[in-house]
Amino acid sequence: MISVTVIMLDREFFLGFIKIHILFHASQAPISGKEIAEELSRHGYILSPGTLYPTLHRLSEQGYLQRTSKVVGGKVRKYYTVTEAGKKALKEAKEKIKILVEEVME
């Protein structure tokens, strides 16, 4: 039986990875929630809207993403692009990831 603590710990680890993925893709081009959900699923992260959209909103509130609205096919979609603070956070995360991967994969 898997303990609740292990599940919560895994969730916290993966949420960090997910945030980095979001910042990376938002630095390449504006992304919608649907698009990032599809991209994350390609990497094995299956997120419910109840996890994804609050994460996008938090990243926006924290100043890492900028949200804009656009009408697509008669529906209003929110698109996210990385801010300067998001670019800085992503750069720092990439540096730390590189060091960690080198150490862990020795």
PDB file of N, CA and C in Angstrom:
ATOM      1  N   MET A   1       0.842  -1.189   0.000  1.00  0.00           N
ATOM      2  CA  MET A   1       0.000   0.000   0.000  1.00  0.00           C
ATOM      3  C   MET A   1       0.884   1.248   0.000  1.00  0.00           C
ATOM      4  N   ILE A   2       0.586   2.193  -0.865  1.00  0.00           N
ATOM      5  CA  ILE A   2       1.348   3.441  -0.958  1.00  0.00           C
ATOM      6  C   ILE A   2       0.788   4.419   0.057  1.00  0.00           C
ATOM      7  N   SER A   3       1.684   5.015   0.826  1.00  0.00           N
ATOM      8  CA  SER A   3       1.223   5.944   1.850  1.00  0.00           C
ATOM      9  C   SER A   3       0.832   7.280   1.237  1.00  0.00           C
ATOM     10  N   VAL A   4      -0.028   8.008   1.927  1.00  0.00           N
ATOM     11  CA  VAL A   4      -0.459   9.326   1.485  1.00  0.00           C
ATOM     12  C   VAL A   4       0.736  10.274   1.446  1.00  0.00           C
ATOM     13  N   THR A   5       1.670  10.124   2.375  1.00  0.00           N
ATOM     14  CA  THR A   5       2.860  10.972   2.411  1.00  0.00           C
ATOM     15  C   THR A   5       3.668  10.826   1.130  1.00  0.00           C
ATOM     16  N   VAL A   6       3.849   9.601   0.660  1.00  0.00           N
ATOM     17  CA  VAL A   6       4.600   9.366  -0.576  1.00  0.00           C
ATOM     18  C   VAL A   6       3.874   9.998  -1.755  1.00  0.00           C
ATOM     19  N   ILE A   7       2.573   9.846  -1.820  1.00  0.00           N
ATOM     20  CA  ILE A   7       1.797  10.427  -2.918  1.00  0.00           C
ATOM     21  C   ILE A   7       1.934  11.948  -2.903  1.00  0.00           C
ATOM     22  N   MET A   8       1.824  12.575  -1.743  1.00  0.00           N
ATOM     23  CA  MET A   8       1.934  14.028  -1.643  1.00  0.00           C
ATOM     24  C   MET A   8       3.351  14.491  -2.000  1.00  0.00           C
ATOM     25  N   LEU A   9       4.355  13.723  -1.558  1.00  0.00           N
ATOM     26  CA  LEU A   9       5.738  14.073  -1.873  1.00  0.00           C
ATOM     27  C   LEU A   9       5.965  13.998  -3.377  1.00  0.00           C
ATOM     28  N   ASP A  10       5.496  12.934  -4.018  1.00  0.00           N
ATOM     29  CA  ASP A  10       5.615  12.808  -5.471  1.00  0.00           C
ATOM     30  C   ASP A  10       4.919  13.976  -6.160  1.00  0.00           C
ATOM     31  N   ARG A  11       3.737  14.324  -5.697  1.00  0.00           N
ATOM     32  CA  ARG A  11       2.966  15.420  -6.292  1.00  0.00           C
ATOM     33  C   ARG A  11       3.760  16.719  -6.218  1.00  0.00           C
ATOM     34  N   GLU A  12       4.387  16.990  -5.077  1.00  0.00           N
ATOM     35  CA  GLU A  12       5.183  18.207  -4.917  1.00  0.00           C
ATOM     36  C   GLU A  12       6.390  18.213  -5.855  1.00  0.00           C
ATOM     37  N   PHE A  13       7.085  17.069  -5.972  1.00  0.00           N
ATOM     38  CA  PHE A  13       8.215  16.984  -6.898  1.00  0.00           C
ATOM     39  C   PHE A  13       7.753  17.265  -8.322  1.00  0.00           C
ATOM     40  N   PHE A  14       6.715  16.586  -8.743  1.00  0.00           N
ATOM     41  CA  PHE A  14       6.252  16.727 -10.112  1.00  0.00           C
ATOM     42  C   PHE A  14       5.697  18.113 -10.389  1.00  0.00           C
ATOM     43  N   LEU A  15       5.088  18.747  -9.401  1.00  0.00           N
ATOM     44  CA  LEU A  15       4.568  20.091  -9.614  1.00  0.00           C
ATOM     45  C   LEU A  15       5.705  21.059  -9.921  1.00  0.00           C
ATOM     46  N   GLY A  16       6.855  20.861  -9.303  1.00  0.00           N
ATOM     47  CA  GLY A  16       8.018  21.686  -9.632  1.00  0.00           C
ATOM     48  C   GLY A  16       8.456  21.482 -11.072  1.00  0.00           C
ATOM     49  N   PHE A  17       8.502  20.221 -11.514  1.00  0.00           N
ATOM     50  CA  PHE A  17       8.865  19.926 -12.904  1.00  0.00           C
ATOM     51  C   PHE A  17       7.854  20.557 -13.863  1.00  0.00           C
ATOM     52  N   ILE A  18       6.595  20.455 -13.507  1.00  0.00           N
ATOM     53  CA  ILE A  18       5.522  20.986 -14.352  1.00  0.00           C
ATOM     54  C   ILE A  18       5.657  22.498 -14.496  1.00  0.00           C
ATOM     55  N   LYS A  19       5.948  23.177 -13.401  1.00  0.00           N
ATOM     56  CA  LYS A  19       6.115  24.638 -13.462  1.00  0.00           C
ATOM     57  C   LYS A  19       7.267  25.015 -14.388  1.00  0.00           C
ATOM     58  N   ILE A  20       8.348  24.263 -14.331  1.00  0.00           N
ATOM     59  CA  ILE A  20       9.482  24.535 -15.213  1.00  0.00           C
ATOM     60  C   ILE A  20       9.086  24.302 -16.670  1.00  0.00           C
ATOM     61  N   HIS A  21       8.354  23.218 -16.932  1.00  0.00           N
ATOM     62  CA  HIS A  21       7.854  22.964 -18.297  1.00  0.00           C
ATOM     63  C   HIS A  21       6.998  24.133 -18.771  1.00  0.00           C
ATOM     64  N   ILE A  22       6.102  24.593 -17.917  1.00  0.00           N
ATOM     65  CA  ILE A  22       5.211  25.697 -18.295  1.00  0.00           C
ATOM     66  C   ILE A  22       6.024  26.942 -18.632  1.00  0.00           C
ATOM     67  N   LEU A  23       6.965  27.299 -17.762  1.00  0.00           N
ATOM     68  CA  LEU A  23       7.785  28.481 -18.031  1.00  0.00           C
ATOM     69  C   LEU A  23       8.567  28.329 -19.327  1.00  0.00           C
ATOM     70  N   PHE A  24       9.123  27.138 -19.545  1.00  0.00           N
ATOM     71  CA  PHE A  24       9.881  26.909 -20.772  1.00  0.00           C
ATOM     72  C   PHE A  24       9.006  27.117 -22.005  1.00  0.00           C
ATOM     73  N   HIS A  25       7.853  26.455 -22.049  1.00  0.00           N
ATOM     74  CA  HIS A  25       7.000  26.553 -23.235  1.00  0.00           C
ATOM     75  C   HIS A  25       6.423  27.951 -23.405  1.00  0.00           C
ATOM     76  N   ALA A  26       6.134  28.630 -22.303  1.00  0.00           N
ATOM     77  CA  ALA A  26       5.632  30.008 -22.388  1.00  0.00           C
ATOM     78  C   ALA A  26       6.730  30.968 -22.831  1.00  0.00           C
ATOM     79  N   SER A  27       7.984  30.549 -22.703  1.00  0.00           N
ATOM     80  CA  SER A  27       9.086  31.389 -23.195  1.00  0.00           C
ATOM     81  C   SER A  27       9.296  31.204 -24.698  1.00  0.00           C
ATOM     82  N   GLN A  28       8.788  30.109 -25.240  1.00  0.00           N
ATOM     83  CA  GLN A  28       8.930  29.826 -26.679  1.00  0.00           C
ATOM     84  C   GLN A  28       7.839  30.498 -27.497  1.00  0.00           C
ATOM     85  N   ALA A  29       6.614  30.512 -26.967  1.00  0.00           N
ATOM     86  CA  ALA A  29       5.461  31.100 -27.660  1.00  0.00           C
ATOM     87  C   ALA A  29       4.313  31.174 -26.670  1.00  0.00           C
ATOM     88  N   PRO A  30       3.335  32.061 -26.901  1.00  0.00           N
ATOM     89  CA  PRO A  30       2.168  32.080 -26.017  1.00  0.00           C
ATOM     90  C   PRO A  30       1.492  30.706 -26.013  1.00  0.00           C
ATOM     91  N   ILE A  31       1.062  30.269 -24.827  1.00  0.00           N
ATOM     92  CA  ILE A  31       0.427  28.955 -24.694  1.00  0.00           C
ATOM     93  C   ILE A  31      -0.927  29.088 -24.008  1.00  0.00           C
ATOM     94  N   SER A  32      -1.841  28.240 -24.401  1.00  0.00           N
ATOM     95  CA  SER A  32      -3.130  28.170 -23.712  1.00  0.00           C
ATOM     96  C   SER A  32      -3.071  26.995 -22.747  1.00  0.00           C
ATOM     97  N   GLY A  33      -4.012  26.954 -21.824  1.00  0.00           N
ATOM     98  CA  GLY A  33      -4.069  25.835 -20.892  1.00  0.00           C
ATOM     99  C   GLY A  33      -4.200  24.507 -21.610  1.00  0.00           C
ATOM    100  N   LYS A  34      -5.040  24.472 -22.642  1.00  0.00           N
ATOM    101  CA  LYS A  34      -5.237  23.243 -23.409  1.00  0.00           C
ATOM    102  C   LYS A  34      -3.935  22.798 -24.072  1.00  0.00           C
ATOM    103  N   GLU A  35      -3.218  23.757 -24.656  1.00  0.00           N
ATOM    104  CA  GLU A  35      -1.958  23.420 -25.329  1.00  0.00           C
ATOM    105  C   GLU A  35      -0.909  22.896 -24.351  1.00  0.00           C
ATOM    106  N   ILE A  36      -0.800  23.546 -23.193  1.00  0.00           N
ATOM    107  CA  ILE A  36       0.209  23.085 -22.236  1.00  0.00           C
ATOM    108  C   ILE A  36      -0.199  21.734 -21.660  1.00  0.00           C
ATOM    109  N   ALA A  37      -1.480  21.493 -21.478  1.00  0.00           N
ATOM    110  CA  ALA A  37      -1.940  20.186 -20.996  1.00  0.00           C
ATOM    111  C   ALA A  37      -1.546  19.095 -21.988  1.00  0.00           C
ATOM    112  N   GLU A  38      -1.726  19.366 -23.281  1.00  0.00           N
ATOM    113  CA  GLU A  38      -1.346  18.395 -24.311  1.00  0.00           C
ATOM    114  C   GLU A  38       0.161  18.172 -24.325  1.00  0.00           C
ATOM    115  N   GLU A  39       0.930  19.256 -24.201  1.00  0.00           N
ATOM    116  CA  GLU A  39       2.384  19.143 -24.197  1.00  0.00           C
ATOM    117  C   GLU A  39       2.855  18.359 -22.970  1.00  0.00           C
ATOM    118  N   LEU A  40       2.303  18.668 -21.820  1.00  0.00           N
ATOM    119  CA  LEU A  40       2.697  17.949 -20.602  1.00  0.00           C
ATOM    120  C   LEU A  40       2.336  16.470 -20.683  1.00  0.00           C
ATOM    121  N   SER A  41       1.205  16.165 -21.308  1.00  0.00           N
ATOM    122  CA  SER A  41       0.804  14.756 -21.427  1.00  0.00           C
ATOM    123  C   SER A  41       1.786  13.978 -22.295  1.00  0.00           C
ATOM    124  N   ARG A  42       2.420  14.660 -23.266  1.00  0.00           N
ATOM    125  CA  ARG A  42       3.451  14.003 -24.086  1.00  0.00           C
ATOM    126  C   ARG A  42       4.631  13.548 -23.226  1.00  0.00           C
ATOM    127  N   HIS A  43       4.823  14.227 -22.101  1.00  0.00           N
ATOM    128  CA  HIS A  43       5.917  13.898 -21.189  1.00  0.00           C
ATOM    129  C   HIS A  43       5.464  13.021 -20.024  1.00  0.00           C
ATOM    130  N   GLY A  44       4.222  12.555 -20.078  1.00  0.00           N
ATOM    131  CA  GLY A  44       3.723  11.652 -19.054  1.00  0.00           C
ATOM    132  C   GLY A  44       3.034  12.313 -17.879  1.00  0.00           C
ATOM    133  N   TYR A  45       2.845  13.615 -17.934  1.00  0.00           N
ATOM    134  CA  TYR A  45       2.142  14.332 -16.865  1.00  0.00           C
ATOM    135  C   TYR A  45       0.681  14.504 -17.266  1.00  0.00           C
ATOM    136  N   ILE A  46      -0.188  13.790 -16.592  1.00  0.00           N
ATOM    137  CA  ILE A  46      -1.615  13.916 -16.853  1.00  0.00           C
ATOM    138  C   ILE A  46      -2.203  14.747 -15.722  1.00  0.00           C
ATOM    139  N   LEU A  47      -2.615  15.962 -16.047  1.00  0.00           N
ATOM    140  CA  LEU A  47      -3.103  16.896 -15.037  1.00  0.00           C
ATOM    141  C   LEU A  47      -4.585  17.142 -15.199  1.00  0.00           C
ATOM    142  N   SER A  48      -5.265  17.215 -14.084  1.00  0.00           N
ATOM    143  CA  SER A  48      -6.674  17.600 -14.128  1.00  0.00           C
ATOM    144  C   SER A  48      -6.730  19.123 -14.282  1.00  0.00           C
ATOM    145  N   PRO A  49      -7.824  19.638 -14.826  1.00  0.00           N
ATOM    146  CA  PRO A  49      -7.968  21.097 -14.894  1.00  0.00           C
ATOM    147  C   PRO A  49      -7.866  21.734 -13.505  1.00  0.00           C
ATOM    148  N   GLY A  50      -8.268  20.994 -12.472  1.00  0.00           N
ATOM    149  CA  GLY A  50      -8.208  21.497 -11.100  1.00  0.00           C
ATOM    150  C   GLY A  50      -6.794  21.637 -10.570  1.00  0.00           C
ATOM    151  N   THR A  51      -5.824  21.049 -11.248  1.00  0.00           N
ATOM    152  CA  THR A  51      -4.414  21.228 -10.897  1.00  0.00           C
ATOM    153  C   THR A  51      -3.750  22.208 -11.865  1.00  0.00           C
ATOM    154  N   LEU A  52      -4.000  22.041 -13.154  1.00  0.00           N
ATOM    155  CA  LEU A  52      -3.327  22.859 -14.160  1.00  0.00           C
ATOM    156  C   LEU A  52      -3.697  24.338 -14.057  1.00  0.00           C
ATOM    157  N   TYR A  53      -4.987  24.646 -14.071  1.00  0.00           N
ATOM    158  CA  TYR A  53      -5.382  26.055 -14.137  1.00  0.00           C
ATOM    159  C   TYR A  53      -5.021  26.837 -12.876  1.00  0.00           C
ATOM    160  N   PRO A  54      -5.156  26.275 -11.683  1.00  0.00           N
ATOM    161  CA  PRO A  54      -4.654  27.010 -10.508  1.00  0.00           C
ATOM    162  C   PRO A  54      -3.139  27.234 -10.563  1.00  0.00           C
ATOM    163  N   THR A  55      -2.402  26.281 -11.140  1.00  0.00           N
ATOM    164  CA  THR A  55      -0.949  26.452 -11.286  1.00  0.00           C
ATOM    165  C   THR A  55      -0.647  27.605 -12.235  1.00  0.00           C
ATOM    166  N   LEU A  56      -1.338  27.659 -13.367  1.00  0.00           N
ATOM    167  CA  LEU A  56      -1.165  28.776 -14.299  1.00  0.00           C
ATOM    168  C   LEU A  56      -1.524  30.112 -13.645  1.00  0.00           C
ATOM    169  N   HIS A  57      -2.609  30.120 -12.889  1.00  0.00           N
ATOM    170  CA  HIS A  57      -3.044  31.353 -12.228  1.00  0.00           C
ATOM    171  C   HIS A  57      -2.023  31.802 -11.183  1.00  0.00           C
ATOM    172  N   ARG A  58      -1.488  30.845 -10.413  1.00  0.00           N
ATOM    173  CA  ARG A  58      -0.476  31.189  -9.402  1.00  0.00           C
ATOM    174  C   ARG A  58       0.785  31.749 -10.059  1.00  0.00           C
ATOM    175  N   LEU A  59       1.240  31.093 -11.132  1.00  0.00           N
ATOM    176  CA  LEU A  59       2.425  31.590 -11.831  1.00  0.00           C
ATOM    177  C   LEU A  59       2.182  33.002 -12.375  1.00  0.00           C
ATOM    178  N   SER A  60       0.975  33.270 -12.797  1.00  0.00           N
ATOM    179  CA  SER A  60       0.609  34.599 -13.283  1.00  0.00           C
ATOM    180  C   SER A  60       0.578  35.596 -12.119  1.00  0.00           C
ATOM    181  N   GLU A  61      -0.057  35.228 -11.024  1.00  0.00           N
ATOM    182  CA  GLU A  61      -0.140  36.101  -9.845  1.00  0.00           C
ATOM    183  C   GLU A  61       1.242  36.390  -9.265  1.00  0.00           C
ATOM    184  N   GLN A  62       2.148  35.429  -9.362  1.00  0.00           N
ATOM    185  CA  GLN A  62       3.497  35.592  -8.829  1.00  0.00           C
ATOM    186  C   GLN A  62       4.398  36.387  -9.776  1.00  0.00           C
ATOM    187  N   GLY A  63       3.881  36.733 -10.948  1.00  0.00           N
ATOM    188  CA  GLY A  63       4.627  37.567 -11.879  1.00  0.00           C
ATOM    189  C   GLY A  63       5.508  36.815 -12.860  1.00  0.00           C
ATOM    190  N   TYR A  64       5.385  35.482 -12.920  1.00  0.00           N
ATOM    191  CA  TYR A  64       6.201  34.687 -13.840  1.00  0.00           C
ATOM    192  C   TYR A  64       5.574  34.561 -15.222  1.00  0.00           C
ATOM    193  N   LEU A  65       4.258  34.678 -15.294  1.00  0.00           N
ATOM    194  CA  LEU A  65       3.537  34.596 -16.564  1.00  0.00           C
ATOM    195  C   LEU A  65       2.648  35.823 -16.706  1.00  0.00           C
ATOM    196  N   GLN A  66       2.428  36.223 -17.955  1.00  0.00           N
ATOM    197  CA  GLN A  66       1.463  37.271 -18.262  1.00  0.00           C
ATOM    198  C   GLN A  66       0.315  36.614 -19.018  1.00  0.00           C
ATOM    199  N   ARG A  67      -0.898  36.914 -18.602  1.00  0.00           N
ATOM    200  CA  ARG A  67      -2.077  36.304 -19.211  1.00  0.00           C
ATOM    201  C   ARG A  67      -2.784  37.323 -20.098  1.00  0.00           C
ATOM    202  N   THR A  68      -3.128  36.874 -21.313  1.00  0.00           N
ATOM    203  CA  THR A  68      -3.928  37.683 -22.224  1.00  0.00           C
ATOM    204  C   THR A  68      -5.089  36.823 -22.721  1.00  0.00           C
ATOM    205  N   SER A  69      -6.133  37.477 -23.179  1.00  0.00           N
ATOM    206  CA  SER A  69      -7.299  36.752 -23.702  1.00  0.00           C
ATOM    207  C   SER A  69      -7.404  36.976 -25.201  1.00  0.00           C
ATOM    208  N   LYS A  70      -7.875  35.934 -25.886  1.00  0.00           N
ATOM    209  CA  LYS A  70      -8.016  35.986 -27.339  1.00  0.00           C
ATOM    210  C   LYS A  70      -9.234  35.147 -27.712  1.00  0.00           C
ATOM    211  N   VAL A  71     -10.033  35.621 -28.655  1.00  0.00           N
ATOM    212  CA  VAL A  71     -11.198  34.867 -29.118  1.00  0.00           C
ATOM    213  C   VAL A  71     -10.737  33.919 -30.215  1.00  0.00           C
ATOM    214  N   VAL A  72     -10.985  32.621 -29.997  1.00  0.00           N
ATOM    215  CA  VAL A  72     -10.613  31.584 -30.960  1.00  0.00           C
ATOM    216  C   VAL A  72     -11.845  30.711 -31.183  1.00  0.00           C
ATOM    217  N   GLY A  73     -12.313  30.664 -32.422  1.00  0.00           N
ATOM    218  CA  GLY A  73     -13.484  29.848 -32.737  1.00  0.00           C
ATOM    219  C   GLY A  73     -14.713  30.245 -31.937  1.00  0.00           C
ATOM    220  N   GLY A  74     -14.839  31.530 -31.663  1.00  0.00           N
ATOM    221  CA  GLY A  74     -15.992  32.021 -30.919  1.00  0.00           C
ATOM    222  C   GLY A  74     -15.874  31.870 -29.407  1.00  0.00           C
ATOM    223  N   LYS A  75     -14.767  31.315 -28.929  1.00  0.00           N
ATOM    224  CA  LYS A  75     -14.562  31.136 -27.483  1.00  0.00           C
ATOM    225  C   LYS A  75     -13.377  31.976 -27.033  1.00  0.00           C
ATOM    226  N   VAL A  76     -13.482  32.499 -25.831  1.00  0.00           N
ATOM    227  CA  VAL A  76     -12.375  33.268 -25.264  1.00  0.00           C
ATOM    228  C   VAL A  76     -11.382  32.289 -24.657  1.00  0.00           C
ATOM    229  N   ARG A  77     -10.149  32.377 -25.115  1.00  0.00           N
ATOM    230  CA  ARG A  77      -9.072  31.547 -24.571  1.00  0.00           C
ATOM    231  C   ARG A  77      -8.054  32.459 -23.904  1.00  0.00           C
ATOM    232  N   LYS A  78      -7.502  31.960 -22.814  1.00  0.00           N
ATOM    233  CA  LYS A  78      -6.447  32.686 -22.130  1.00  0.00           C
ATOM    234  C   LYS A  78      -5.111  32.121 -22.602  1.00  0.00           C
ATOM    235  N   TYR A  79      -4.207  33.019 -22.929  1.00  0.00           N
ATOM    236  CA  TYR A  79      -2.860  32.634 -23.351  1.00  0.00           C
ATOM    237  C   TYR A  79      -1.858  33.201 -22.360  1.00  0.00           C
ATOM    238  N   TYR A  80      -0.800  32.440 -22.161  1.00  0.00           N
ATOM    239  CA  TYR A  80       0.219  32.809 -21.192  1.00  0.00           C
ATOM    240  C   TYR A  80       1.560  32.954 -21.885  1.00  0.00           C
ATOM    241  N   THR A  81       2.268  34.030 -21.538  1.00  0.00           N
ATOM    242  CA  THR A  81       3.632  34.225 -22.012  1.00  0.00           C
ATOM    243  C   THR A  81       4.509  34.489 -20.793  1.00  0.00           C
ATOM    244  N   VAL A  82       5.765  34.139 -20.908  1.00  0.00           N
ATOM    245  CA  VAL A  82       6.683  34.310 -19.791  1.00  0.00           C
ATOM    246  C   VAL A  82       7.039  35.797 -19.643  1.00  0.00           C
ATOM    247  N   THR A  83       7.194  36.243 -18.411  1.00  0.00           N
ATOM    248  CA  THR A  83       7.611  37.609 -18.112  1.00  0.00           C
ATOM    249  C   THR A  83       9.128  37.626 -17.900  1.00  0.00           C
ATOM    250  N   GLU A  84       9.682  38.802 -17.676  1.00  0.00           N
ATOM    251  CA  GLU A  84      11.113  38.890 -17.371  1.00  0.00           C
ATOM    252  C   GLU A  84      11.433  38.104 -16.101  1.00  0.00           C
ATOM    253  N   ALA A  85      10.572  38.199 -15.093  1.00  0.00           N
ATOM    254  CA  ALA A  85      10.783  37.435 -13.858  1.00  0.00           C
ATOM    255  C   ALA A  85      10.720  35.936 -14.140  1.00  0.00           C
ATOM    256  N   GLY A  86       9.825  35.537 -15.041  1.00  0.00           N
ATOM    257  CA  GLY A  86       9.727  34.133 -15.422  1.00  0.00           C
ATOM    258  C   GLY A  86      10.961  33.658 -16.167  1.00  0.00           C
ATOM    259  N   LYS A  87      11.493  34.513 -17.034  1.00  0.00           N
ATOM    260  CA  LYS A  87      12.724  34.171 -17.760  1.00  0.00           C
ATOM    261  C   LYS A  87      13.888  33.993 -16.795  1.00  0.00           C
ATOM    262  N   LYS A  88      13.959  34.890 -15.812  1.00  0.00           N
ATOM    263  CA  LYS A  88      15.033  34.799 -14.817  1.00  0.00           C
ATOM    264  C   LYS A  88      14.899  33.520 -13.998  1.00  0.00           C
ATOM    265  N   ALA A  89      13.673  33.211 -13.558  1.00  0.00           N
ATOM    266  CA  ALA A  89      13.433  31.987 -12.777  1.00  0.00           C
ATOM    267  C   ALA A  89      13.769  30.752 -13.604  1.00  0.00           C
ATOM    268  N   LEU A  90      13.403  30.756 -14.882  1.00  0.00           N
ATOM    269  CA  LEU A  90      13.693  29.627 -15.760  1.00  0.00           C
ATOM    270  C   LEU A  90      15.196  29.461 -15.948  1.00  0.00           C
ATOM    271  N   LYS A  91      15.900  30.558 -16.148  1.00  0.00           N
ATOM    272  CA  LYS A  91      17.348  30.489 -16.308  1.00  0.00           C
ATOM    273  C   LYS A  91      18.001  29.889 -15.061  1.00  0.00           C
ATOM    274  N   GLU A  92      17.585  30.352 -13.892  1.00  0.00           N
ATOM    275  CA  GLU A  92      18.130  29.827 -12.641  1.00  0.00           C
ATOM    276  C   GLU A  92      17.793  28.349 -12.463  1.00  0.00           C
ATOM    277  N   ALA A  93      16.559  27.974 -12.813  1.00  0.00           N
ATOM    278  CA  ALA A  93      16.148  26.566 -12.701  1.00  0.00           C
ATOM    279  C   ALA A  93      16.979  25.688 -13.628  1.00  0.00           C
ATOM    280  N   LYS A  94      17.225  26.159 -14.843  1.00  0.00           N
ATOM    281  CA  LYS A  94      18.028  25.380 -15.800  1.00  0.00           C
ATOM    282  C   LYS A  94      19.440  25.150 -15.274  1.00  0.00           C
ATOM    283  N   GLU A  95      20.022  26.184 -14.665  1.00  0.00           N
ATOM    284  CA  GLU A  95      21.366  26.039 -14.106  1.00  0.00           C
ATOM    285  C   GLU A  95      21.375  25.011 -12.978  1.00  0.00           C
ATOM    286  N   LYS A  96      20.376  25.074 -12.115  1.00  0.00           N
ATOM    287  CA  LYS A  96      20.294  24.131 -10.994  1.00  0.00           C
ATOM    288  C   LYS A  96      20.003  22.709 -11.483  1.00  0.00           C
ATOM    289  N   ILE A  97      19.172  22.589 -12.515  1.00  0.00           N
ATOM    290  CA  ILE A  97      18.864  21.274 -13.090  1.00  0.00           C
ATOM    291  C   ILE A  97      20.129  20.647 -13.663  1.00  0.00           C
ATOM    292  N   LYS A  98      20.910  21.439 -14.371  1.00  0.00           N
ATOM    293  CA  LYS A  98      22.148  20.928 -14.968  1.00  0.00           C
ATOM    294  C   LYS A  98      23.083  20.381 -13.886  1.00  0.00           C
ATOM    295  N   ILE A  99      23.266  21.140 -12.828  1.00  0.00           N
ATOM    296  CA  ILE A  99      24.131  20.697 -11.727  1.00  0.00           C
ATOM    297  C   ILE A  99      23.578  19.430 -11.088  1.00  0.00           C
ATOM    298  N   LEU A 100      22.264  19.411 -10.855  1.00  0.00           N
ATOM    299  CA  LEU A 100      21.642  18.258 -10.219  1.00  0.00           C
ATOM    300  C   LEU A 100      21.773  17.009 -11.087  1.00  0.00           C
ATOM    301  N   VAL A 101      21.505  17.138 -12.376  1.00  0.00           N
ATOM    302  CA  VAL A 101      21.587  15.989 -13.286  1.00  0.00           C
ATOM    303  C   VAL A 101      23.018  15.450 -13.329  1.00  0.00           C
ATOM    304  N   GLU A 102      23.968  16.349 -13.415  1.00  0.00           N
ATOM    305  CA  GLU A 102      25.369  15.904 -13.430  1.00  0.00           C
ATOM    306  C   GLU A 102      25.717  15.141 -12.164  1.00  0.00           C
ATOM    307  N   GLU A 103      25.259  15.627 -11.025  1.00  0.00           N
ATOM    308  CA  GLU A 103      25.555  14.965  -9.751  1.00  0.00           C
ATOM    309  C   GLU A 103      24.831  13.631  -9.617  1.00  0.00           C
ATOM    310  N   VAL A 104      23.546  13.629  -9.915  1.00  0.00           N
ATOM    311  CA  VAL A 104      22.728  12.421  -9.738  1.00  0.00           C
ATOM    312  C   VAL A 104      23.104  11.324 -10.731  1.00  0.00           C
ATOM    313  N   MET A 105      23.499  11.702 -11.932  1.00  0.00           N
ATOM    314  CA  MET A 105      23.780  10.714 -12.978  1.00  0.00           C
ATOM    315  C   MET A 105      25.232  10.259 -13.015  1.00  0.00           C
ATOM    316  N   GLU A 106      26.050  10.659 -12.039  1.00  0.00           N
ATOM    317  CA  GLU A 106      27.450  10.229 -12.004  1.00  0.00           C
ATOM    318  C   GLU A 106      27.557   8.729 -11.941  1.00  0.00           C
TER     319      GLU A 106
END
